[in-house]
């Protein structure tokens, strides 16, 4: 069933008290001081659409596009407004009712959201092609020759931001089932993601290793569909529902003690499959069971008691700071657990990052659709990271990882970006007793 503001439970639209406590947390309101660019301003627009007082047109679509969807307002709201639900429903309405037009946009959405991100094989094939372009010298040649000037403006902005594709993907690093050396404490499923699989397959390997080192048997099917978070976030609700069904078929929840994700953005979406498929008689029960089993990797490790490493991750003591993924902190409420895991690392000092939960400007495809605002947020984030004096900034979302690494590198800051579980995995390996299975 298509999502619509007009069909939404009206009490969700009425929850906002217009108290303004969300305003200091909203990056777009902070930048412009305009009410329409605030959470309560956007909710007022959504309510006007639901009441039939405002047509869905370019103005409404532009405002929803300008919103990062970072959900900081949701954390700040004393009334418990479900902004994520409102925001995704508004974007779904925009797509369904043609609030944004243009043939080039339709083509790119069909190619990316409609094809690449629904076919793991096609996505990996595209990843290999991009790696060949990057590693063969073609990328350097294209940049030197000026050929990139022939591309449309959006693609010209995108090309320098394209992440380096990994040499091997998750299915080449992780066996379908891996068992711990000692007794099995739990059986878990590991979600490998899309960008995480193509760019950070090593983080998936690290996550499997950390779970194994803590007594978990890990199931990692080699061909996993996209979780659908990108589709839900950009208004493609039906595609998100279809992908959710494929996940439930691949990972029957009753088979596992936990279904583990290491990506903050994916996890925020994956916690709500019950709501997404609540009207699907064939899948609603399995979706509700899935929601009970879904765990962020940090959350799961802390929940059952992560074993402290007996070795430090590096030869010398390091200072680490932590940038919070918006959808991990605000979407899932996972704040303390990554810090608790980082605190377990010997010879590692954790320094708090100023504005640690302020968006870095990645926000899915925000750095493509709103490059100017995205770059301003990245500048702010890079400045704060540099101020800590840390050698490493830990973060737990692939979009943040790519964005922050690019921002630090472009500004001459010698700070390495790592996932917290990668630091744990490195420490376990240096104990000399834990050897990866592949």
Protein backbone atom coordinates (compact mmCIF):
# COMPACT_ATOMS: atom_id res chain seq x y z
CA UNK A 1 0.00 0.00 0.00
CA UNK A 2 1.43 3.39 -0.98
CA UNK A 3 2.40 5.66 1.86
CA UNK A 4 0.54 8.95 2.02
CA UNK A 5 0.38 11.87 4.45
CA UNK A 6 -3.38 12.02 3.94
CA UNK A 7 -3.75 8.36 4.95
CA UNK A 8 -1.35 8.57 7.89
CA UNK A 9 -2.71 8.29 11.42
CA UNK A 10 -3.53 11.97 12.08
CA UNK A 11 -2.33 11.77 15.67
CA UNK A 12 1.24 11.47 14.35
CA UNK A 13 0.83 14.79 12.55
CA UNK A 14 -0.69 16.37 15.67
CA UNK A 15 2.09 15.35 18.06
CA UNK A 16 4.27 18.39 17.36
CA UNK A 17 3.64 21.03 20.08
CA UNK A 18 5.68 23.71 18.25
CA UNK A 19 7.73 24.17 21.41
CA UNK A 20 10.93 24.86 19.47
CA UNK A 21 13.25 22.60 21.46
CA UNK A 22 14.22 20.95 18.17
CA UNK A 23 15.45 24.20 16.61
CA UNK A 24 18.99 24.27 18.09
CA UNK A 25 19.56 20.68 16.94
CA UNK A 26 18.58 21.18 13.28
CA UNK A 27 21.54 21.84 10.95
CA UNK A 28 19.44 23.49 8.23
CA UNK A 29 17.66 25.82 10.65
CA UNK A 30 21.04 26.62 12.22
CA UNK A 31 22.32 27.61 8.77
CA UNK A 32 19.36 29.74 7.63
CA UNK A 33 17.26 30.66 10.72
CA UNK A 34 14.18 30.23 8.54
CA UNK A 35 11.14 28.57 10.11
CA UNK A 36 10.34 26.54 7.00
CA UNK A 37 13.82 24.97 7.28
CA UNK A 38 13.12 23.76 10.82
CA UNK A 39 11.51 20.45 11.87
CA UNK A 40 8.35 22.11 13.13
CA UNK A 41 8.13 24.20 9.95
CA UNK A 42 8.37 21.08 7.82
CA UNK A 43 5.78 19.30 9.95
CA UNK A 44 3.44 22.26 9.45
CA UNK A 45 3.88 21.86 5.69
CA UNK A 46 3.21 18.11 5.93
CA UNK A 47 0.07 18.75 7.94
CA UNK A 48 -1.11 21.27 5.35
CA UNK A 49 -0.66 18.61 2.66
CA UNK A 50 -2.59 16.06 4.74
CA UNK A 51 -5.39 18.62 5.26
CA UNK A 52 -5.60 19.35 1.54
CA UNK A 53 -4.48 22.96 2.06
CA UNK A 54 -1.19 22.59 0.19
CA UNK A 55 -0.48 20.88 -3.11
CA UNK A 56 2.58 18.68 -3.47
CA UNK A 57 4.69 20.63 -5.92
CA UNK A 58 8.25 21.76 -6.46
CA UNK A 59 8.29 23.97 -3.35
CA UNK A 60 7.25 21.19 -0.99
CA UNK A 61 9.64 18.75 -2.71
CA UNK A 62 12.54 21.20 -2.43
CA UNK A 63 11.93 21.63 1.29
CA UNK A 64 11.87 17.88 1.92
CA UNK A 65 15.04 17.54 -0.16
CA UNK A 66 16.79 20.26 1.88
CA UNK A 67 16.11 18.31 5.08
CA UNK A 68 19.02 16.02 5.97
CA UNK A 69 16.79 13.48 7.67
CA UNK A 70 19.40 13.33 10.44
CA UNK A 71 16.67 12.87 13.12
CA UNK A 72 18.42 15.08 15.67
CA UNK A 73 15.03 16.75 16.14
CA UNK A 74 13.56 13.38 17.05
CA UNK A 75 16.09 12.97 19.87
CA UNK A 76 15.38 16.47 21.17
CA UNK A 77 11.57 16.28 20.97
CA UNK A 78 9.86 16.03 24.40
CA UNK A 79 6.59 14.95 22.75
CA UNK A 80 8.10 11.94 20.97
CA UNK A 81 7.23 13.08 17.45
CA UNK A 82 7.95 10.28 14.97
CA UNK A 83 9.72 12.53 12.50
CA UNK A 84 11.34 9.64 10.63
CA UNK A 85 7.91 8.24 9.75
CA UNK A 86 6.58 11.67 8.73
CA UNK A 87 9.65 12.48 6.66
CA UNK A 88 9.70 9.19 4.74
CA UNK A 89 5.95 9.38 4.15
CA UNK A 90 6.31 12.91 2.76
CA UNK A 91 9.04 11.82 0.37
CA UNK A 92 6.98 8.82 -0.70
CA UNK A 93 4.05 11.18 -1.41
CA UNK A 94 6.35 13.38 -3.51
CA UNK A 95 7.48 10.47 -5.68
CA UNK A 96 4.00 8.99 -6.00
CA UNK A 97 2.34 12.27 -6.94
CA UNK A 98 5.05 13.62 -9.21
CA UNK A 99 6.26 16.43 -6.98
CA UNK A 100 9.62 16.33 -8.77
CA UNK A 101 9.87 16.00 -12.54
CA UNK A 102 12.63 15.63 -15.11
CA UNK A 103 13.56 12.78 -17.44
CA UNK A 104 17.21 12.60 -16.37
CA UNK A 105 16.21 12.23 -12.72
CA UNK A 106 13.77 9.45 -13.60
CA UNK A 107 16.43 7.61 -15.58
CA UNK A 108 19.06 7.82 -12.85
CA UNK A 109 16.62 6.70 -10.18
CA UNK A 110 15.53 3.78 -12.36
CA UNK A 111 19.14 2.73 -12.97
CA UNK A 112 20.33 3.11 -9.37
CA UNK A 113 17.36 2.55 -7.04
CA UNK A 114 15.33 0.45 -9.44
CA UNK A 115 18.09 -1.81 -10.77
CA UNK A 116 21.56 -1.61 -9.18
CA UNK A 117 20.37 -1.47 -5.58
CA UNK A 118 17.90 -4.30 -6.07
CA UNK A 119 20.38 -6.75 -7.66
CA UNK A 120 23.47 -7.76 -5.65
CA UNK A 121 25.11 -9.22 -8.76
CA UNK A 122 24.54 -6.06 -10.80
CA UNK A 123 25.81 -3.87 -7.97
CA UNK A 124 28.97 -5.93 -7.57
CA UNK A 125 29.51 -5.90 -11.33
CA UNK A 126 29.21 -2.10 -11.30
CA UNK A 127 31.63 -2.03 -8.36
CA UNK A 128 34.19 -4.08 -10.28
CA UNK A 129 33.84 -1.80 -13.30
CA UNK A 130 34.40 1.25 -11.10
CA UNK A 131 37.44 -0.40 -9.50
CA UNK A 132 38.88 -1.09 -12.96
CA UNK A 133 38.33 2.58 -13.86
CA UNK A 134 40.06 3.65 -10.65
CA UNK A 135 43.00 1.24 -10.71
CA UNK A 136 43.77 1.09 -14.45
CA UNK A 137 44.77 4.72 -14.76
CA UNK A 138 41.61 5.68 -16.62
CA UNK A 139 40.40 7.80 -13.72
CA UNK A 140 43.64 9.77 -13.57
CA UNK A 141 43.64 10.17 -17.35
CA UNK A 142 40.04 11.40 -17.39
CA UNK A 143 40.80 13.94 -14.71
CA UNK A 144 43.96 15.22 -16.40
CA UNK A 145 42.42 15.41 -19.86
CA UNK A 146 39.41 17.49 -18.89
CA UNK A 147 36.96 14.90 -20.20
CA UNK A 148 35.00 15.14 -16.96
CA UNK A 149 33.89 18.63 -18.00
CA UNK A 150 31.65 16.95 -20.57
CA UNK A 151 29.62 15.25 -17.85
CA UNK A 152 26.37 16.73 -16.47
CA UNK A 153 26.91 18.97 -13.44
CA UNK A 154 25.64 16.41 -10.91
CA UNK A 155 28.00 13.73 -12.23
CA UNK A 156 30.93 16.15 -12.27
CA UNK A 157 30.35 16.75 -8.56
CA UNK A 158 29.92 13.04 -7.89
CA UNK A 159 33.05 11.73 -9.64
CA UNK A 160 35.65 13.19 -7.21
CA UNK A 161 33.59 11.87 -4.29
CA UNK A 162 33.41 8.29 -5.58
CA UNK A 163 34.83 5.96 -2.92
CA UNK A 164 37.71 3.58 -3.62
CA UNK A 165 36.20 0.16 -4.36
CA UNK A 166 37.61 -2.73 -2.34
CA UNK A 167 39.78 -5.39 -4.00
CA UNK A 168 37.56 -8.16 -2.62
CA UNK A 169 33.92 -8.09 -1.53
CA UNK A 170 32.36 -9.62 1.57
CA UNK A 171 31.53 -13.01 0.03
CA UNK A 172 35.21 -13.37 -0.90
CA UNK A 173 36.31 -12.67 2.69
CA UNK A 174 33.64 -14.39 4.79
CA UNK A 175 32.40 -17.98 4.52
CA UNK A 176 28.62 -18.53 4.58
CA UNK A 177 28.92 -20.02 8.08
CA UNK A 178 31.84 -19.57 10.46
CA UNK A 179 32.11 -21.04 13.96
CA UNK A 180 34.09 -19.88 17.00
CA UNK A 181 37.12 -21.80 18.23
CA UNK A 182 35.47 -22.56 21.56
CA UNK A 183 31.91 -23.20 22.64
CA UNK A 184 29.11 -21.50 20.73
CA UNK A 185 27.32 -18.92 22.86
CA UNK A 186 25.00 -17.54 20.20
CA UNK A 187 24.11 -17.93 16.52
CA UNK A 188 23.83 -14.65 14.63
CA UNK A 189 23.26 -13.44 11.08
CA UNK A 190 25.57 -10.76 9.70
CA UNK A 191 24.20 -8.20 7.22
CA UNK A 192 26.86 -7.06 4.76
CA UNK A 193 25.08 -4.05 3.22
CA UNK A 194 25.65 -2.43 -0.17
CA UNK A 195 28.22 0.38 0.12
CA UNK A 196 29.70 -1.51 3.08
CA UNK A 197 30.14 -4.56 0.85
CA UNK A 198 31.71 -2.71 -2.10
CA UNK A 199 33.91 -0.28 -0.20
CA UNK A 200 34.35 -1.61 3.33
CA UNK A 201 34.21 -5.39 3.03
CA UNK A 202 37.12 -5.44 5.48
CA UNK A 203 34.80 -3.96 8.12
CA UNK A 204 32.38 -6.83 7.53
CA UNK A 205 35.31 -9.24 7.96
CA UNK A 206 36.29 -7.42 11.15
CA UNK A 207 32.74 -7.65 12.46
CA UNK A 208 32.63 -11.39 11.82
CA UNK A 209 36.00 -11.80 13.57
CA UNK A 210 34.87 -9.88 16.63
CA UNK A 211 31.67 -11.92 16.85
CA UNK A 212 33.68 -15.15 16.50
CA UNK A 213 36.12 -14.03 19.18
CA UNK A 214 33.11 -13.60 21.48
CA UNK A 215 31.66 -17.08 20.93
CA UNK A 216 29.16 -16.42 18.13
CA UNK A 217 28.54 -18.65 15.15
CA UNK A 218 28.13 -16.25 12.22
CA UNK A 219 25.93 -16.84 9.17
CA UNK A 220 26.74 -14.52 6.25
CA UNK A 221 24.90 -15.45 3.04
CA UNK A 222 27.06 -14.43 0.06
CA UNK A 223 24.31 -12.77 -2.01
CA UNK A 224 22.35 -10.39 0.20
CA UNK A 225 19.84 -7.87 -1.17
CA UNK A 226 19.99 -4.19 -0.25
CA UNK A 227 18.18 -3.56 3.03
CA UNK A 228 15.98 -0.88 1.40
CA UNK A 229 17.00 2.00 3.66
CA UNK A 230 18.08 4.14 0.69
CA UNK A 231 14.75 3.44 -1.01
CA UNK A 232 12.67 4.27 2.07
CA UNK A 233 14.69 7.43 2.69
CA UNK A 234 14.17 8.67 -0.87
CA UNK A 235 10.47 7.91 -1.15
CA UNK A 236 10.53 4.53 -2.91
CA UNK A 237 8.31 2.82 -0.34
CA UNK A 238 7.18 -0.10 -2.49
CA UNK A 239 10.74 -1.00 -3.42
CA UNK A 240 11.66 -0.87 0.28
CA UNK A 241 8.82 -3.27 1.07
CA UNK A 242 9.91 -5.68 -1.67
CA UNK A 243 13.50 -5.70 -0.41
CA UNK A 244 12.28 -6.26 3.15
CA UNK A 245 10.45 -9.41 2.03
CA UNK A 246 13.61 -10.69 0.36
CA UNK A 247 15.58 -10.17 3.57
CA UNK A 248 12.98 -12.05 5.61
CA UNK A 249 13.12 -14.95 3.16
CA UNK A 250 16.91 -15.05 3.42
CA UNK A 251 17.13 -14.56 7.21
CA UNK A 252 14.23 -16.30 9.00
CA UNK A 253 14.30 -14.52 12.39
CA UNK A 254 13.53 -17.63 14.43
CA UNK A 255 16.83 -19.16 13.30
CA UNK A 256 18.99 -16.57 15.10
CA UNK A 257 19.67 -15.09 18.51
CA UNK A 258 20.39 -11.79 16.76
CA UNK A 259 20.51 -10.28 13.28
CA UNK A 260 23.54 -7.98 13.32
CA UNK A 261 24.19 -4.85 11.28
CA UNK A 262 27.31 -2.69 11.49
CA UNK A 263 25.92 0.25 9.48
CA UNK A 264 24.09 2.98 11.38
CA UNK A 265 21.98 4.07 8.41
CA UNK A 266 20.89 0.56 7.50
CA UNK A 267 20.12 -0.34 11.11
CA UNK A 268 17.82 2.64 11.60
CA UNK A 269 15.63 1.40 8.74
CA UNK A 270 15.94 -2.30 9.57
CA UNK A 271 14.49 -1.83 13.05
CA UNK A 272 11.07 -1.03 11.58
CA UNK A 273 10.25 -3.82 9.14
CA UNK A 274 7.22 -4.59 11.30
CA UNK A 275 5.77 -1.17 10.52
CA UNK A 276 6.81 -1.37 6.88
CA UNK A 277 5.06 -4.73 6.36
CA UNK A 278 2.35 -4.37 9.00
CA UNK A 279 -0.44 -4.76 6.43
CA UNK A 280 1.19 -7.73 4.65
CA UNK A 281 -0.51 -10.87 5.99
CA UNK A 282 2.19 -13.14 4.60
CA UNK A 283 5.09 -11.29 6.21
CA UNK A 284 3.82 -9.20 9.13
CA UNK A 285 4.56 -11.81 11.82
CA UNK A 286 8.06 -12.50 10.52
CA UNK A 287 8.71 -8.75 10.25
CA UNK A 288 7.67 -8.21 13.86
CA UNK A 289 9.98 -11.06 14.94
CA UNK A 290 12.78 -9.51 12.87
CA UNK A 291 12.41 -6.21 14.74
CA UNK A 292 12.90 -8.09 18.02
CA UNK A 293 16.10 -9.74 16.75
CA UNK A 294 17.73 -6.83 14.92
CA UNK A 295 20.80 -5.49 16.74
CA UNK A 296 23.48 -2.97 15.94
CA UNK A 297 26.90 -4.65 16.30
CA UNK A 298 27.92 -2.40 19.23
CA UNK A 299 24.60 -2.94 20.94
CA UNK A 300 24.85 -6.73 20.62
CA UNK A 301 28.44 -6.92 21.86
CA UNK A 302 27.68 -4.82 24.94
CA UNK A 303 24.39 -6.65 25.54
CA UNK A 304 26.00 -10.07 26.00
CA UNK A 305 29.29 -8.84 27.44
CA UNK A 306 32.14 -8.21 25.01
CA UNK A 307 35.46 -9.76 26.05
CA UNK A 308 38.10 -7.04 26.64
CA UNK A 309 41.09 -7.51 24.32
CA UNK A 310 44.35 -8.52 25.98
CA UNK A 311 46.42 -6.62 23.43
CA UNK A 312 46.42 -3.04 22.17
CA UNK A 313 45.38 -2.41 18.57
CA UNK A 314 48.63 -0.52 17.83
CA UNK A 315 52.28 -0.67 18.84
CA UNK A 316 52.06 2.78 20.41
CA UNK A 317 49.33 4.44 22.47
CA UNK A 318 46.78 6.30 20.36
CA UNK A 319 44.17 8.99 20.96
CA UNK A 320 40.78 8.15 19.47
CA UNK A 321 37.68 10.31 19.08
CA UNK A 322 34.20 9.20 18.06
CA UNK A 323 31.84 10.71 15.49
CA UNK A 324 28.26 9.53 15.94
CA UNK A 325 26.35 8.44 12.87
CA UNK A 326 23.05 10.34 12.90
CA UNK A 327 20.97 7.24 12.30
CA UNK A 328 22.88 5.27 14.92
CA UNK A 329 22.56 7.96 17.60
CA UNK A 330 19.20 9.55 16.75
CA UNK A 331 17.54 6.82 14.72
CA UNK A 332 18.50 3.91 16.97
CA UNK A 333 19.45 5.54 20.27
CA UNK A 334 22.84 3.79 20.22
CA UNK A 335 25.17 6.25 21.93
CA UNK A 336 26.93 4.71 24.91
CA UNK A 337 27.73 1.28 23.44
CA UNK A 338 30.37 2.32 20.85
CA UNK A 339 32.12 4.36 23.53
CA UNK A 340 32.00 1.40 25.92
CA UNK A 341 33.69 -0.81 23.34
CA UNK A 342 36.34 1.79 22.57
CA UNK A 343 37.02 2.09 26.30
CA UNK A 344 37.93 -1.63 26.36
CA UNK A 345 40.95 -1.09 24.10
CA UNK A 346 44.32 -1.10 25.92
CA UNK A 347 46.71 1.77 25.25
CA UNK A 348 43.90 3.78 23.68
CA UNK A 349 42.55 7.05 25.09
CA UNK A 350 39.09 8.19 24.04
CA UNK A 351 38.67 11.97 23.70
CA UNK A 352 35.15 13.33 23.32
CA UNK A 353 34.44 15.05 20.00
CA UNK A 354 32.71 18.47 20.17
CA UNK A 355 29.27 18.22 18.54
CA UNK A 356 29.84 14.48 18.11
CA UNK A 357 26.24 13.89 17.02
CA UNK A 358 26.05 16.86 14.61
CA UNK A 359 25.59 15.65 11.03
CA UNK A 360 28.69 15.46 8.82
CA UNK A 361 26.64 16.29 5.72
CA UNK A 362 26.68 12.87 4.09
CA UNK A 363 23.05 11.92 4.89
CA UNK A 364 22.57 9.28 2.21
CA UNK A 365 22.83 11.20 -1.08
CA UNK A 366 22.63 14.68 0.49
CA UNK A 367 26.21 15.47 -0.56
CA UNK A 368 25.00 15.01 -4.15
CA UNK A 369 21.60 16.74 -3.96
CA UNK A 370 22.68 19.58 -1.63
CA UNK A 371 26.44 19.92 -2.15
CA UNK A 372 26.83 23.44 -0.73
CA UNK A 373 25.13 22.71 2.59
CA UNK A 374 26.82 19.31 2.78
CA UNK A 375 30.26 20.88 2.35
CA UNK A 376 29.56 23.46 5.06
CA UNK A 377 28.66 20.69 7.50
CA UNK A 378 31.75 18.73 6.52
CA UNK A 379 33.96 21.74 7.16
CA UNK A 380 32.46 22.10 10.64
CA UNK A 381 32.95 18.39 11.38
CA UNK A 382 36.55 18.29 10.14
CA UNK A 383 37.43 21.34 12.22
CA UNK A 384 36.08 19.72 15.39
CA UNK A 385 37.87 16.43 14.71
CA UNK A 386 41.17 18.22 14.19
CA UNK A 387 40.68 20.12 17.45
CA UNK A 388 40.76 16.87 19.47
CA UNK A 389 44.32 16.00 18.45
CA UNK A 390 43.17 12.43 17.82
CA UNK A 391 45.08 10.12 15.47
CA UNK A 392 41.91 8.13 14.75
CA UNK A 393 38.25 9.08 14.43
CA UNK A 394 35.91 6.13 14.86
CA UNK A 395 32.54 6.08 13.15
CA UNK A 396 30.01 3.38 12.33
CA UNK A 397 28.32 4.24 9.05
CA UNK A 398 29.79 3.91 5.55
CA UNK A 399 28.42 7.25 4.36
CA UNK A 400 29.96 9.06 7.34
CA UNK A 401 33.21 7.14 6.84
CA UNK A 402 33.56 8.21 3.21
CA UNK A 403 32.48 11.80 3.86
CA UNK A 404 34.65 12.38 6.92
CA UNK A 405 37.72 10.74 5.36
CA UNK A 406 37.34 12.94 2.28
CA UNK A 407 36.91 16.06 4.40
CA UNK A 408 39.95 15.35 6.57
CA UNK A 409 42.14 14.41 3.61
CA UNK A 410 41.09 17.46 1.59
CA UNK A 411 41.94 19.77 4.48
CA UNK A 412 45.33 18.25 5.17
CA UNK A 413 44.44 16.56 8.49
CA UNK A 414 46.36 13.34 9.13
CA UNK A 415 43.56 11.49 10.94
CA UNK A 416 42.60 7.91 10.13
CA UNK A 417 38.91 6.94 9.98
CA UNK A 418 38.06 3.50 11.41
CA UNK A 419 34.98 1.56 12.51
CA UNK A 420 34.97 0.75 16.27
CA UNK A 421 34.70 -2.99 15.53
CA UNK A 422 37.80 -2.75 13.31
CA UNK A 423 39.78 -1.45 16.27
CA UNK A 424 38.47 -4.35 18.37
CA UNK A 425 39.30 -6.87 15.64
CA UNK A 426 42.82 -5.47 15.33
CA UNK A 427 43.34 -5.82 19.08
CA UNK A 428 42.06 -9.42 19.14
CA UNK A 429 44.34 -10.40 16.26
CA UNK A 430 47.35 -8.97 18.06
CA UNK A 431 46.73 -11.31 21.00
CA UNK A 432 48.31 -13.99 18.82
CA UNK A 433 45.61 -16.55 19.42
CA UNK A 434 42.72 -15.57 17.15
CA UNK A 435 43.22 -16.30 13.45
CA UNK A 436 40.57 -15.41 10.83
CA UNK A 437 39.16 -18.43 9.01
CA UNK A 438 39.75 -17.01 5.53
